[in-house]
Structure formats: C-alpha cells, structure tokens
Amino acid sequence: MKDLYSDLKELQFALQKLLKNYNGLKKENEQLKKQNAEINEQLLEKQKLIEVSEERLATSNITALYDEDEKQLLQSKIDIYLKEIEKCLSLFNA
C-alpha cells in the first residue's frame, strides 16, 4: 500500500511538473507569436521603403541619363501622349 501511495505521489509530482512546463511553454509560445508578428510588420515596412527607394533610384537614374534639352523633349513627347490619351478617353465617354 505504501508503494502505491508513493507511486501516486511521484505521479502527481510528475504531472504538476509537466503542467508547470506546459504553462511556461504556452506563455513562451504566445510571446514568440507576438514577436513574430512585430517582426513581420517591420519586414513589410522595410520592403515598402526598399520599393520606394528603388523607384526613386530608377527615377534619378533616368534623369541623370538625359541632358536638359533631352529632358524637355521627352517631357513634350509625354505631354503629347497624355493629350492623345485624354482625347481617346473623351471619345470613349461620348
């Protein structure tokens, strides 16, 4: 009977230890999930910054390729294309 009682005590002690470990791991898991979400959020922000920087770099590279006369010529061509597009859109809407 004493063996049974001591075995039950050991089992109860082991269960309490497991429960304590489980609760600790559960808290750690929640904390890690929060950290993961924060890191993912920061990663998205960094990716957006990279995209904006790449766009700015591409724009500055394009403007560096042309001298002032070429830039004005390019701008006038773009303006002409935009006017043509506006005409087409107005015809579609009419």
PDB file of N, CA and C in Angstrom:
ATOM      1  N   MET A   1       0.827  -1.195   0.000  1.00  0.00           N
ATOM      2  CA  MET A   1       0.000   0.000   0.000  1.00  0.00           C
ATOM      3  C   MET A   1       0.868   1.255   0.000  1.00  0.00           C
ATOM      4  N   LYS A   2       2.014   1.151   0.741  1.00  0.00           N
ATOM      5  CA  LYS A   2       2.912   2.295   0.760  1.00  0.00           C
ATOM      6  C   LYS A   2       3.516   2.532  -0.611  1.00  0.00           C
ATOM      7  N   ASP A   3       3.815   1.462  -1.318  1.00  0.00           N
ATOM      8  CA  ASP A   3       4.371   1.591  -2.666  1.00  0.00           C
ATOM      9  C   ASP A   3       3.370   2.282  -3.585  1.00  0.00           C
ATOM     10  N   LEU A   4       2.130   1.924  -3.479  1.00  0.00           N
ATOM     11  CA  LEU A   4       1.092   2.531  -4.298  1.00  0.00           C
ATOM     12  C   LEU A   4       0.963   4.020  -3.972  1.00  0.00           C
ATOM     13  N   TYR A   5       0.998   4.328  -2.690  1.00  0.00           N
ATOM     14  CA  TYR A   5       0.895   5.713  -2.247  1.00  0.00           C
ATOM     15  C   TYR A   5       2.093   6.521  -2.744  1.00  0.00           C
ATOM     16  N   SER A   6       3.275   5.992  -2.627  1.00  0.00           N
ATOM     17  CA  SER A   6       4.471   6.710  -3.091  1.00  0.00           C
ATOM     18  C   SER A   6       4.475   6.828  -4.621  1.00  0.00           C
ATOM     19  N   ASP A   7       3.993   5.802  -5.294  1.00  0.00           N
ATOM     20  CA  ASP A   7       3.896   5.876  -6.755  1.00  0.00           C
ATOM     21  C   ASP A   7       2.910   6.958  -7.187  1.00  0.00           C
ATOM     22  N   LEU A   8       1.794   7.052  -6.463  1.00  0.00           N
ATOM     23  CA  LEU A   8       0.809   8.094  -6.766  1.00  0.00           C
ATOM     24  C   LEU A   8       1.382   9.485  -6.504  1.00  0.00           C
ATOM     25  N   LYS A   9       2.149   9.606  -5.416  1.00  0.00           N
ATOM     26  CA  LYS A   9       2.790  10.891  -5.092  1.00  0.00           C
ATOM     27  C   LYS A   9       3.766  11.286  -6.197  1.00  0.00           C
ATOM     28  N   GLU A  10       4.559  10.332  -6.647  1.00  0.00           N
ATOM     29  CA  GLU A  10       5.518  10.600  -7.710  1.00  0.00           C
ATOM     30  C   GLU A  10       4.806  10.979  -9.010  1.00  0.00           C
ATOM     31  N   LEU A  11       3.740  10.271  -9.287  1.00  0.00           N
ATOM     32  CA  LEU A  11       2.953  10.568 -10.482  1.00  0.00           C
ATOM     33  C   LEU A  11       2.342  11.959 -10.388  1.00  0.00           C
ATOM     34  N   GLN A  12       1.822  12.298  -9.220  1.00  0.00           N
ATOM     35  CA  GLN A  12       1.241  13.622  -9.023  1.00  0.00           C
ATOM     36  C   GLN A  12       2.319  14.698  -9.164  1.00  0.00           C
ATOM     37  N   PHE A  13       3.491  14.453  -8.604  1.00  0.00           N
ATOM     38  CA  PHE A  13       4.602  15.397  -8.716  1.00  0.00           C
ATOM     39  C   PHE A  13       5.016  15.567 -10.183  1.00  0.00           C
ATOM     40  N   ALA A  14       5.108  14.446 -10.899  1.00  0.00           N
ATOM     41  CA  ALA A  14       5.484  14.491 -12.316  1.00  0.00           C
ATOM     42  C   ALA A  14       4.428  15.245 -13.127  1.00  0.00           C
ATOM     43  N   LEU A  15       3.153  15.030 -12.831  1.00  0.00           N
ATOM     44  CA  LEU A  15       2.079  15.735 -13.533  1.00  0.00           C
ATOM     45  C   LEU A  15       2.129  17.235 -13.255  1.00  0.00           C
ATOM     46  N   GLN A  16       2.394  17.601 -12.010  1.00  0.00           N
ATOM     47  CA  GLN A  16       2.490  19.018 -11.670  1.00  0.00           C
ATOM     48  C   GLN A  16       3.669  19.662 -12.404  1.00  0.00           C
ATOM     49  N   LYS A  17       4.769  18.927 -12.463  1.00  0.00           N
ATOM     50  CA  LYS A  17       5.948  19.433 -13.163  1.00  0.00           C
ATOM     51  C   LYS A  17       5.638  19.600 -14.660  1.00  0.00           C
ATOM     52  N   LEU A  18       4.979  18.623 -15.245  1.00  0.00           N
ATOM     53  CA  LEU A  18       4.591  18.714 -16.652  1.00  0.00           C
ATOM     54  C   LEU A  18       3.642  19.883 -16.904  1.00  0.00           C
ATOM     55  N   LEU A  19       2.686  20.057 -16.007  1.00  0.00           N
ATOM     56  CA  LEU A  19       1.732  21.152 -16.144  1.00  0.00           C
ATOM     57  C   LEU A  19       2.434  22.496 -16.050  1.00  0.00           C
ATOM     58  N   LYS A  20       3.389  22.589 -15.125  1.00  0.00           N
ATOM     59  CA  LYS A  20       4.153  23.827 -14.981  1.00  0.00           C
ATOM     60  C   LYS A  20       4.960  24.097 -16.248  1.00  0.00           C
ATOM     61  N   ASN A  21       5.603  23.067 -16.763  1.00  0.00           N
ATOM     62  CA  ASN A  21       6.376  23.225 -18.008  1.00  0.00           C
ATOM     63  C   ASN A  21       5.460  23.603 -19.172  1.00  0.00           C
ATOM     64  N   TYR A  22       4.305  22.960 -19.241  1.00  0.00           N
ATOM     65  CA  TYR A  22       3.341  23.245 -20.306  1.00  0.00           C
ATOM     66  C   TYR A  22       2.908  24.709 -20.260  1.00  0.00           C
ATOM     67  N   ASN A  23       2.570  25.191 -19.068  1.00  0.00           N
ATOM     68  CA  ASN A  23       2.136  26.584 -18.933  1.00  0.00           C
ATOM     69  C   ASN A  23       3.257  27.542 -19.306  1.00  0.00           C
ATOM     70  N   GLY A  24       4.483  27.202 -18.916  1.00  0.00           N
ATOM     71  CA  GLY A  24       5.629  28.039 -19.274  1.00  0.00           C
ATOM     72  C   GLY A  24       5.831  28.077 -20.786  1.00  0.00           C
ATOM     73  N   LEU A  25       5.727  26.920 -21.417  1.00  0.00           N
ATOM     74  CA  LEU A  25       5.887  26.848 -22.871  1.00  0.00           C
ATOM     75  C   LEU A  25       4.752  27.571 -23.598  1.00  0.00           C
ATOM     76  N   LYS A  26       3.562  27.492 -23.016  1.00  0.00           N
ATOM     77  CA  LYS A  26       2.418  28.181 -23.603  1.00  0.00           C
ATOM     78  C   LYS A  26       2.641  29.699 -23.589  1.00  0.00           C
ATOM     79  N   LYS A  27       3.133  30.215 -22.463  1.00  0.00           N
ATOM     80  CA  LYS A  27       3.422  31.648 -22.374  1.00  0.00           C
ATOM     81  C   LYS A  27       4.528  32.038 -23.346  1.00  0.00           C
ATOM     82  N   GLU A  28       5.561  31.208 -23.405  1.00  0.00           N
ATOM     83  CA  GLU A  28       6.670  31.483 -24.319  1.00  0.00           C
ATOM     84  C   GLU A  28       6.190  31.479 -25.772  1.00  0.00           C
ATOM     85  N   ASN A  29       5.310  30.557 -26.099  1.00  0.00           N
ATOM     86  CA  ASN A  29       4.763  30.476 -27.452  1.00  0.00           C
ATOM     87  C   ASN A  29       3.983  31.743 -27.799  1.00  0.00           C
ATOM     88  N   GLU A  30       3.174  32.222 -26.879  1.00  0.00           N
ATOM     89  CA  GLU A  30       2.416  33.453 -27.120  1.00  0.00           C
ATOM     90  C   GLU A  30       3.352  34.640 -27.325  1.00  0.00           C
ATOM     91  N   GLN A  31       4.390  34.696 -26.502  1.00  0.00           N
ATOM     92  CA  GLN A  31       5.368  35.781 -26.628  1.00  0.00           C
ATOM     93  C   GLN A  31       6.078  35.702 -27.985  1.00  0.00           C
ATOM     94  N   LEU A  32       6.454  34.504 -28.386  1.00  0.00           N
ATOM     95  CA  LEU A  32       7.121  34.334 -29.672  1.00  0.00           C
ATOM     96  C   LEU A  32       6.196  34.682 -30.839  1.00  0.00           C
ATOM     97  N   LYS A  33       4.919  34.369 -30.699  1.00  0.00           N
ATOM     98  CA  LYS A  33       3.954  34.738 -31.739  1.00  0.00           C
ATOM     99  C   LYS A  33       3.855  36.251 -31.872  1.00  0.00           C
ATOM    100  N   LYS A  34       3.839  36.948 -30.736  1.00  0.00           N
ATOM    101  CA  LYS A  34       3.780  38.409 -30.768  1.00  0.00           C
ATOM    102  C   LYS A  34       5.040  38.981 -31.412  1.00  0.00           C
ATOM    103  N   GLN A  35       6.194  38.446 -31.031  1.00  0.00           N
ATOM    104  CA  GLN A  35       7.443  38.909 -31.612  1.00  0.00           C
ATOM    105  C   GLN A  35       7.466  38.647 -33.116  1.00  0.00           C
ATOM    106  N   ASN A  36       6.973  37.502 -33.519  1.00  0.00           N
ATOM    107  CA  ASN A  36       6.927  37.154 -34.937  1.00  0.00           C
ATOM    108  C   ASN A  36       6.046  38.140 -35.700  1.00  0.00           C
ATOM    109  N   ALA A  37       4.905  38.472 -35.126  1.00  0.00           N
ATOM    110  CA  ALA A  37       4.005  39.429 -35.776  1.00  0.00           C
ATOM    111  C   ALA A  37       4.671  40.800 -35.900  1.00  0.00           C
ATOM    112  N   GLU A  38       5.368  41.226 -34.846  1.00  0.00           N
ATOM    113  CA  GLU A  38       6.067  42.511 -34.885  1.00  0.00           C
ATOM    114  C   GLU A  38       7.174  42.501 -35.937  1.00  0.00           C
ATOM    115  N   ILE A  39       7.914  41.408 -36.002  1.00  0.00           N
ATOM    116  CA  ILE A  39       8.997  41.311 -36.975  1.00  0.00           C
ATOM    117  C   ILE A  39       8.440  41.306 -38.396  1.00  0.00           C
ATOM    118  N   ASN A  40       7.332  40.602 -38.599  1.00  0.00           N
ATOM    119  CA  ASN A  40       6.704  40.589 -39.929  1.00  0.00           C
ATOM    120  C   ASN A  40       6.233  41.984 -40.320  1.00  0.00           C
ATOM    121  N   GLU A  41       5.709  42.716 -39.351  1.00  0.00           N
ATOM    122  CA  GLU A  41       5.255  44.082 -39.607  1.00  0.00           C
ATOM    123  C   GLU A  41       6.444  44.968 -39.992  1.00  0.00           C
ATOM    124  N   GLN A  42       7.538  44.826 -39.247  1.00  0.00           N
ATOM    125  CA  GLN A  42       8.741  45.597 -39.549  1.00  0.00           C
ATOM    126  C   GLN A  42       9.298  45.219 -40.920  1.00  0.00           C
ATOM    127  N   LEU A  43       9.226  43.952 -41.247  1.00  0.00           N
ATOM    128  CA  LEU A  43       9.701  43.481 -42.546  1.00  0.00           C
ATOM    129  C   LEU A  43       8.893  44.109 -43.677  1.00  0.00           C
ATOM    130  N   LEU A  44       7.578  44.166 -43.516  1.00  0.00           N
ATOM    131  CA  LEU A  44       6.733  44.802 -44.536  1.00  0.00           C
ATOM    132  C   LEU A  44       7.087  46.276 -44.711  1.00  0.00           C
ATOM    133  N   GLU A  45       7.323  46.960 -43.585  1.00  0.00           N
ATOM    134  CA  GLU A  45       7.697  48.371 -43.654  1.00  0.00           C
ATOM    135  C   GLU A  45       9.022  48.543 -44.391  1.00  0.00           C
ATOM    136  N   LYS A  46       9.978  47.663 -44.091  1.00  0.00           N
ATOM    137  CA  LYS A  46      11.286  47.733 -44.753  1.00  0.00           C
ATOM    138  C   LYS A  46      11.152  47.446 -46.244  1.00  0.00           C
ATOM    139  N   GLN A  47      10.295  46.489 -46.596  1.00  0.00           N
ATOM    140  CA  GLN A  47      10.091  46.183 -48.008  1.00  0.00           C
ATOM    141  C   GLN A  47       9.482  47.375 -48.740  1.00  0.00           C
ATOM    142  N   LYS A  48       8.545  48.051 -48.084  1.00  0.00           N
ATOM    143  CA  LYS A  48       7.943  49.242 -48.691  1.00  0.00           C
ATOM    144  C   LYS A  48       9.001  50.330 -48.890  1.00  0.00           C
ATOM    145  N   LEU A  49       9.861  50.507 -47.883  1.00  0.00           N
ATOM    146  CA  LEU A  49      10.923  51.500 -48.003  1.00  0.00           C
ATOM    147  C   LEU A  49      11.877  51.150 -49.144  1.00  0.00           C
ATOM    148  N   ILE A  50      12.180  49.868 -49.285  1.00  0.00           N
ATOM    149  CA  ILE A  50      13.054  49.429 -50.372  1.00  0.00           C
ATOM    150  C   ILE A  50      12.410  49.721 -51.720  1.00  0.00           C
ATOM    151  N   GLU A  51      11.114  49.421 -51.848  1.00  0.00           N
ATOM    152  CA  GLU A  51      10.409  49.686 -53.107  1.00  0.00           C
ATOM    153  C   GLU A  51      10.428  51.173 -53.447  1.00  0.00           C
ATOM    154  N   VAL A  52      10.164  52.013 -52.452  1.00  0.00           N
ATOM    155  CA  VAL A  52      10.167  53.459 -52.678  1.00  0.00           C
ATOM    156  C   VAL A  52      11.569  53.916 -53.068  1.00  0.00           C
ATOM    157  N   SER A  53      12.563  53.389 -52.381  1.00  0.00           N
ATOM    158  CA  SER A  53      13.951  53.763 -52.691  1.00  0.00           C
ATOM    159  C   SER A  53      14.343  53.319 -54.093  1.00  0.00           C
ATOM    160  N   GLU A  54      13.915  52.124 -54.477  1.00  0.00           N
ATOM    161  CA  GLU A  54      14.221  51.641 -55.827  1.00  0.00           C
ATOM    162  C   GLU A  54      13.556  52.515 -56.883  1.00  0.00           C
ATOM    163  N   GLU A  55      12.317  52.931 -56.614  1.00  0.00           N
ATOM    164  CA  GLU A  55      11.624  53.811 -57.561  1.00  0.00           C
ATOM    165  C   GLU A  55      12.346  55.155 -57.676  1.00  0.00           C
ATOM    166  N   ARG A  56      12.760  55.685 -56.527  1.00  0.00           N
ATOM    167  CA  ARG A  56      13.476  56.966 -56.551  1.00  0.00           C
ATOM    168  C   ARG A  56      14.805  56.826 -57.284  1.00  0.00           C
ATOM    169  N   LEU A  57      15.482  55.721 -57.035  1.00  0.00           N
ATOM    170  CA  LEU A  57      16.759  55.482 -57.702  1.00  0.00           C
ATOM    171  C   LEU A  57      16.564  55.365 -59.209  1.00  0.00           C
ATOM    172  N   ALA A  58      15.543  54.639 -59.613  1.00  0.00           N
ATOM    173  CA  ALA A  58      15.268  54.495 -61.046  1.00  0.00           C
ATOM    174  C   ALA A  58      14.959  55.850 -61.662  1.00  0.00           C
ATOM    175  N   THR A  59      14.184  56.660 -60.970  1.00  0.00           N
ATOM    176  CA  THR A  59      13.840  57.992 -61.467  1.00  0.00           C
ATOM    177  C   THR A  59      15.077  58.867 -61.584  1.00  0.00           C
ATOM    178  N   SER A  60      15.923  58.832 -60.555  1.00  0.00           N
ATOM    179  CA  SER A  60      17.131  59.659 -60.600  1.00  0.00           C
ATOM    180  C   SER A  60      18.096  59.156 -61.672  1.00  0.00           C
ATOM    181  N   ASN A  61      18.131  57.848 -61.898  1.00  0.00           N
ATOM    182  CA  ASN A  61      18.994  57.304 -62.951  1.00  0.00           C
ATOM    183  C   ASN A  61      18.509  57.741 -64.326  1.00  0.00           C
ATOM    184  N   ILE A  62      17.204  57.758 -64.514  1.00  0.00           N
ATOM    185  CA  ILE A  62      16.649  58.189 -65.798  1.00  0.00           C
ATOM    186  C   ILE A  62      16.961  59.656 -66.041  1.00  0.00           C
ATOM    187  N   THR A  63      16.773  60.481 -65.031  1.00  0.00           N
ATOM    188  CA  THR A  63      17.032  61.908 -65.209  1.00  0.00           C
ATOM    189  C   THR A  63      18.515  62.187 -65.389  1.00  0.00           C
ATOM    190  N   ALA A  64      19.367  61.349 -64.839  1.00  0.00           N
ATOM    191  CA  ALA A  64      20.806  61.560 -64.996  1.00  0.00           C
ATOM    192  C   ALA A  64      21.266  61.197 -66.404  1.00  0.00           C
ATOM    193  N   LEU A  65      20.513  60.373 -67.111  1.00  0.00           N
ATOM    194  CA  LEU A  65      20.907  59.936 -68.451  1.00  0.00           C
ATOM    195  C   LEU A  65      20.710  61.025 -69.502  1.00  0.00           C
ATOM    196  N   TYR A  66      19.822  61.962 -69.235  1.00  0.00           N
ATOM    197  CA  TYR A  66      19.467  62.955 -70.236  1.00  0.00           C
ATOM    198  C   TYR A  66      19.970  64.335 -69.837  1.00  0.00           C
ATOM    199  N   ASP A  67      20.388  65.096 -70.845  1.00  0.00           N
ATOM    200  CA  ASP A  67      20.718  66.491 -70.556  1.00  0.00           C
ATOM    201  C   ASP A  67      19.416  67.302 -70.582  1.00  0.00           C
ATOM    202  N   GLU A  68      19.528  68.594 -70.346  1.00  0.00           N
ATOM    203  CA  GLU A  68      18.333  69.429 -70.183  1.00  0.00           C
ATOM    204  C   GLU A  68      17.474  69.471 -71.448  1.00  0.00           C
ATOM    205  N   ASP A  69      18.095  69.565 -72.602  1.00  0.00           N
ATOM    206  CA  ASP A  69      17.329  69.605 -73.863  1.00  0.00           C
ATOM    207  C   ASP A  69      16.583  68.291 -74.080  1.00  0.00           C
ATOM    208  N   GLU A  70      17.254  67.173 -73.814  1.00  0.00           N
ATOM    209  CA  GLU A  70      16.609  65.871 -73.989  1.00  0.00           C
ATOM    210  C   GLU A  70      15.456  65.693 -73.007  1.00  0.00           C
ATOM    211  N   LYS A  71      15.638  66.210 -71.802  1.00  0.00           N
ATOM    212  CA  LYS A  71      14.564  66.136 -70.808  1.00  0.00           C
ATOM    213  C   LYS A  71      13.339  66.923 -71.276  1.00  0.00           C
ATOM    214  N   GLN A  72      13.577  68.102 -71.809  1.00  0.00           N
ATOM    215  CA  GLN A  72      12.457  68.917 -72.293  1.00  0.00           C
ATOM    216  C   GLN A  72      11.765  68.240 -73.471  1.00  0.00           C
ATOM    217  N   LEU A  73      12.556  67.633 -74.352  1.00  0.00           N
ATOM    218  CA  LEU A  73      11.985  66.930 -75.489  1.00  0.00           C
ATOM    219  C   LEU A  73      11.156  65.736 -75.005  1.00  0.00           C
ATOM    220  N   LEU A  74      11.692  64.996 -74.074  1.00  0.00           N
ATOM    221  CA  LEU A  74      10.976  63.849 -73.504  1.00  0.00           C
ATOM    222  C   LEU A  74       9.687  64.295 -72.829  1.00  0.00           C
ATOM    223  N   GLN A  75       9.761  65.405 -72.081  1.00  0.00           N
ATOM    224  CA  GLN A  75       8.570  65.924 -71.408  1.00  0.00           C
ATOM    225  C   GLN A  75       7.517  66.349 -72.418  1.00  0.00           C
ATOM    226  N   SER A  76       7.944  66.975 -73.503  1.00  0.00           N
ATOM    227  CA  SER A  76       6.963  67.403 -74.508  1.00  0.00           C
ATOM    228  C   SER A  76       6.322  66.193 -75.185  1.00  0.00           C
ATOM    229  N   LYS A  77       7.104  65.136 -75.434  1.00  0.00           N
ATOM    230  CA  LYS A  77       6.531  63.917 -76.003  1.00  0.00           C
ATOM    231  C   LYS A  77       5.516  63.287 -75.051  1.00  0.00           C
ATOM    232  N   ILE A  78       5.872  63.260 -73.771  1.00  0.00           N
ATOM    233  CA  ILE A  78       4.953  62.711 -72.761  1.00  0.00           C
ATOM    234  C   ILE A  78       3.670  63.530 -72.734  1.00  0.00           C
ATOM    235  N   ASP A  79       3.803  64.862 -72.798  1.00  0.00           N
ATOM    236  CA  ASP A  79       2.619  65.727 -72.797  1.00  0.00           C
ATOM    237  C   ASP A  79       1.728  65.457 -74.005  1.00  0.00           C
ATOM    238  N   ILE A  80       2.366  65.261 -75.172  1.00  0.00           N
ATOM    239  CA  ILE A  80       1.595  64.960 -76.386  1.00  0.00           C
ATOM    240  C   ILE A  80       0.848  63.641 -76.222  1.00  0.00           C
ATOM    241  N   TYR A  81       1.548  62.619 -75.695  1.00  0.00           N
ATOM    242  CA  TYR A  81       0.906  61.313 -75.475  1.00  0.00           C
ATOM    243  C   TYR A  81      -0.265  61.430 -74.501  1.00  0.00           C
ATOM    244  N   LEU A  82      -0.082  62.212 -73.463  1.00  0.00           N
ATOM    245  CA  LEU A  82      -1.162  62.397 -72.486  1.00  0.00           C
ATOM    246  C   LEU A  82      -2.368  63.083 -73.124  1.00  0.00           C
ATOM    247  N   LYS A  83      -2.122  64.065 -73.976  1.00  0.00           N
ATOM    248  CA  LYS A  83      -3.234  64.739 -74.660  1.00  0.00           C
ATOM    249  C   LYS A  83      -3.974  63.771 -75.569  1.00  0.00           C
ATOM    250  N   GLU A  84      -3.224  62.926 -76.271  1.00  0.00           N
ATOM    251  CA  GLU A  84      -3.845  61.923 -77.138  1.00  0.00           C
ATOM    252  C   GLU A  84      -4.675  60.933 -76.324  1.00  0.00           C
ATOM    253  N   ILE A  85      -4.153  60.536 -75.201  1.00  0.00           N
ATOM    254  CA  ILE A  85      -4.885  59.611 -74.320  1.00  0.00           C
ATOM    255  C   ILE A  85      -6.166  60.263 -73.825  1.00  0.00           C
ATOM    256  N   GLU A  86      -6.067  61.543 -73.443  1.00  0.00           N
ATOM    257  CA  GLU A  86      -7.262  62.265 -72.986  1.00  0.00           C
ATOM    258  C   GLU A  86      -8.309  62.375 -74.085  1.00  0.00           C
ATOM    259  N   LYS A  87      -7.846  62.588 -75.324  1.00  0.00           N
ATOM    260  CA  LYS A  87      -8.780  62.647 -76.456  1.00  0.00           C
ATOM    261  C   LYS A  87      -9.492  61.302 -76.633  1.00  0.00           C
ATOM    262  N   CYS A  88      -8.710  60.236 -76.577  1.00  0.00           N
ATOM    263  CA  CYS A  88      -9.302  58.888 -76.727  1.00  0.00           C
ATOM    264  C   CYS A  88     -10.318  58.614 -75.625  1.00  0.00           C
ATOM    265  N   LEU A  89      -9.978  58.995 -74.416  1.00  0.00           N
ATOM    266  CA  LEU A  89     -10.904  58.781 -73.296  1.00  0.00           C
ATOM    267  C   LEU A  89     -12.176  59.600 -73.466  1.00  0.00           C
ATOM    268  N   SER A  90     -12.015  60.824 -73.941  1.00  0.00           N
ATOM    269  CA  SER A  90     -13.220  61.644 -74.135  1.00  0.00           C
ATOM    270  C   SER A  90     -14.098  61.045 -75.248  1.00  0.00           C
ATOM    271  N   LEU A  91     -13.473  60.453 -76.257  1.00  0.00           N
ATOM    272  CA  LEU A  91     -14.254  59.814 -77.327  1.00  0.00           C
ATOM    273  C   LEU A  91     -14.994  58.579 -76.782  1.00  0.00           C
ATOM    274  N   PHE A  92     -14.347  57.845 -75.901  1.00  0.00           N
ATOM    275  CA  PHE A  92     -14.999  56.689 -75.293  1.00  0.00           C
ATOM    276  C   PHE A  92     -16.186  57.096 -74.424  1.00  0.00           C
ATOM    277  N   ASN A  93     -16.042  58.228 -73.746  1.00  0.00           N
ATOM    278  CA  ASN A  93     -17.090  58.681 -72.845  1.00  0.00           C
ATOM    279  C   ASN A  93     -18.236  59.367 -73.569  1.00  0.00           C
ATOM    280  N   ALA A  94     -18.018  59.769 -74.818  1.00  0.00           N
ATOM    281  CA  ALA A  94     -19.059  60.485 -75.564  1.00  0.00           C
ATOM    282  C   ALA A  94     -20.145  59.575 -76.065  1.00  0.00           C
TER     283      ALA A  94
END
